[in-house]
Amino acid sequence: MPTSTLLSFTLTSDIYPGKTYGFKIRAANIHGWGTFGTVLNIKAAGIPSQMSAPVTSIDATTGHVRIQLTAPHDGSQSISQYIIEIADSTATNWTPDSSNCPGTNPAVLSCLISMNTLTSAPYNYAFD
């Protein structure tokens, strides 16, 4: 409508991760402009940084393989989970171990996997 040209706006590509941006909207009809709605605040986030390679070791108490992660930069918004996948013995198929390393608690950055799990399907590693 012709009165829409009276609106002011800013077009920008300067959106920064971690910064909060506010938006509000109002509508017009034949009776005029309504009041603005409640401000909606949105925090801009970025994609988390790429994970560094995990560190693996043998747990001295259990003999299980320990996988230790280092949390990446979160992109200015907390990380909600990880997916930990393990390659099979041919290094062609990757399968998550959701029972030993579920990744659903982002505060848990290590897990233990038994040798029985790694020597059986789908991983099929030789025990030697």
Protein backbone atom coordinates (compact mmCIF):
# COMPACT_ATOMS: atom_id res chain seq x y z
CA MET A 1 0.00 0.00 0.00
CA PRO A 2 1.25 3.56 -0.60
CA THR A 3 1.73 4.33 3.11
CA SER A 4 4.14 1.41 3.41
CA THR A 5 6.80 3.64 1.87
CA LEU A 6 6.63 5.75 5.03
CA LEU A 7 8.13 2.92 7.06
CA SER A 8 11.76 2.95 8.03
CA PHE A 9 13.98 -0.09 7.93
CA THR A 10 17.64 -1.04 7.84
CA LEU A 11 19.06 -3.68 5.55
CA THR A 12 22.25 -5.19 6.89
CA SER A 13 24.50 -8.18 6.48
CA ASP A 14 26.26 -7.43 9.78
CA ILE A 15 24.81 -10.21 11.91
CA TYR A 16 27.18 -11.33 14.66
CA PRO A 17 27.08 -14.65 16.55
CA GLY A 18 26.18 -14.16 20.19
CA LYS A 19 24.47 -10.81 19.66
CA THR A 20 20.74 -10.45 20.37
CA TYR A 21 18.50 -8.81 17.79
CA GLY A 22 14.95 -7.54 18.43
CA PHE A 23 12.03 -7.56 16.02
CA LYS A 24 8.53 -6.12 16.24
CA ILE A 25 5.67 -6.06 13.76
CA ARG A 26 2.46 -4.14 13.22
CA ALA A 27 -0.22 -4.31 10.56
CA ALA A 28 -2.35 -1.84 8.61
CA ASN A 29 -5.77 -2.12 7.02
CA ILE A 30 -8.44 0.34 5.82
CA HIS A 31 -8.79 1.66 9.38
CA GLY A 32 -5.10 2.49 9.78
CA TRP A 33 -2.10 1.12 11.57
CA GLY A 34 -2.41 -1.10 14.60
CA THR A 35 -0.05 -1.05 17.54
CA PHE A 36 3.26 -2.89 17.51
CA GLY A 37 3.28 -6.41 18.87
CA THR A 38 5.57 -7.64 21.60
CA VAL A 39 9.27 -7.45 20.78
CA LEU A 40 10.76 -10.82 19.83
CA ASN A 41 14.44 -11.16 20.72
CA ILE A 42 16.55 -13.66 18.81
CA LYS A 43 20.14 -14.53 19.67
CA ALA A 44 22.22 -15.14 16.56
CA ALA A 45 24.34 -18.25 16.65
CA GLY A 46 26.91 -19.74 14.30
CA ILE A 47 27.81 -23.30 13.44
CA PRO A 48 30.07 -24.85 16.12
CA SER A 49 33.73 -25.14 15.20
CA GLN A 50 34.99 -28.39 13.75
CA MET A 51 35.89 -30.89 16.43
CA SER A 52 39.53 -31.71 16.95
CA ALA A 53 40.49 -35.38 16.70
CA PRO A 54 39.53 -37.38 19.78
CA VAL A 55 42.21 -38.90 21.98
CA THR A 56 41.94 -42.64 22.57
CA SER A 57 43.58 -44.71 25.27
CA ILE A 58 43.14 -47.98 27.14
CA ASP A 59 41.48 -47.62 30.53
CA ALA A 60 43.83 -49.26 33.08
CA THR A 61 40.99 -50.44 35.32
CA THR A 62 38.61 -52.01 32.79
CA GLY A 63 40.72 -52.57 29.65
CA HIS A 64 38.09 -50.67 27.65
CA VAL A 65 38.94 -48.07 25.02
CA ARG A 66 38.46 -44.53 26.32
CA ILE A 67 37.47 -41.83 23.83
CA GLN A 68 38.21 -38.32 25.09
CA LEU A 69 36.75 -35.28 23.28
CA THR A 70 37.73 -31.63 23.41
CA ALA A 71 34.71 -29.33 23.09
CA PRO A 72 34.90 -26.97 20.12
CA HIS A 73 33.91 -23.31 20.16
CA ASP A 74 30.12 -23.42 20.46
CA GLY A 75 29.29 -20.70 17.91
CA SER A 76 27.94 -18.46 20.72
CA GLN A 77 25.11 -20.86 21.60
CA SER A 78 25.45 -23.89 23.86
CA ILE A 79 26.07 -27.28 22.23
CA SER A 80 23.17 -29.66 22.80
CA GLN A 81 24.74 -33.01 21.83
CA TYR A 82 27.53 -34.83 20.02
CA ILE A 83 27.46 -37.73 17.56
CA ILE A 84 30.35 -40.12 18.09
CA GLU A 85 30.85 -42.53 15.19
CA ILE A 86 33.36 -45.37 15.00
CA ALA A 87 34.74 -46.79 11.73
CA ASP A 88 34.56 -50.51 11.09
CA SER A 89 37.71 -52.57 10.55
CA THR A 90 37.70 -51.76 6.81
CA ALA A 91 37.37 -48.01 7.54
CA THR A 92 34.48 -47.77 5.06
CA ASN A 93 31.42 -47.74 7.32
CA TRP A 94 30.89 -45.46 10.30
CA THR A 95 28.42 -46.38 13.03
CA PRO A 96 27.48 -44.44 16.15
CA ASP A 97 27.78 -46.32 19.44
CA SER A 98 24.72 -44.84 21.09
CA SER A 99 24.82 -47.16 24.11
CA ASN A 100 28.41 -46.49 25.23
CA CYS A 101 28.92 -43.03 23.71
CA PRO A 102 25.45 -41.51 23.32
CA GLY A 103 26.65 -37.88 23.14
CA THR A 104 23.30 -36.66 24.48
CA ASN A 105 24.88 -34.89 27.46
CA PRO A 106 27.29 -32.26 26.10
CA ALA A 107 28.99 -31.99 29.50
CA VAL A 108 30.24 -35.60 29.16
CA LEU A 109 33.35 -35.46 26.98
CA SER A 110 34.60 -39.04 27.37
CA CYS A 111 33.22 -42.55 27.11
CA LEU A 112 34.37 -46.15 27.48
CA ILE A 113 33.79 -48.88 24.89
CA SER A 114 34.45 -52.51 25.75
CA MET A 115 36.71 -54.64 23.57
CA ASN A 116 33.76 -57.05 23.16
CA THR A 117 31.84 -54.25 21.43
CA LEU A 118 34.75 -53.35 19.14
CA THR A 119 35.53 -56.97 18.14
CA SER A 120 31.90 -57.73 17.20
CA ALA A 121 29.59 -56.41 14.47
CA PRO A 122 29.36 -53.77 13.13
CA TYR A 123 32.99 -52.85 13.96
CA ASN A 124 34.69 -56.27 13.66
CA TYR A 125 38.15 -55.26 14.88
CA ALA A 126 40.70 -57.99 15.53
CA PHE A 127 41.85 -58.32 19.13
CA ASP A 128 45.62 -58.32 18.82
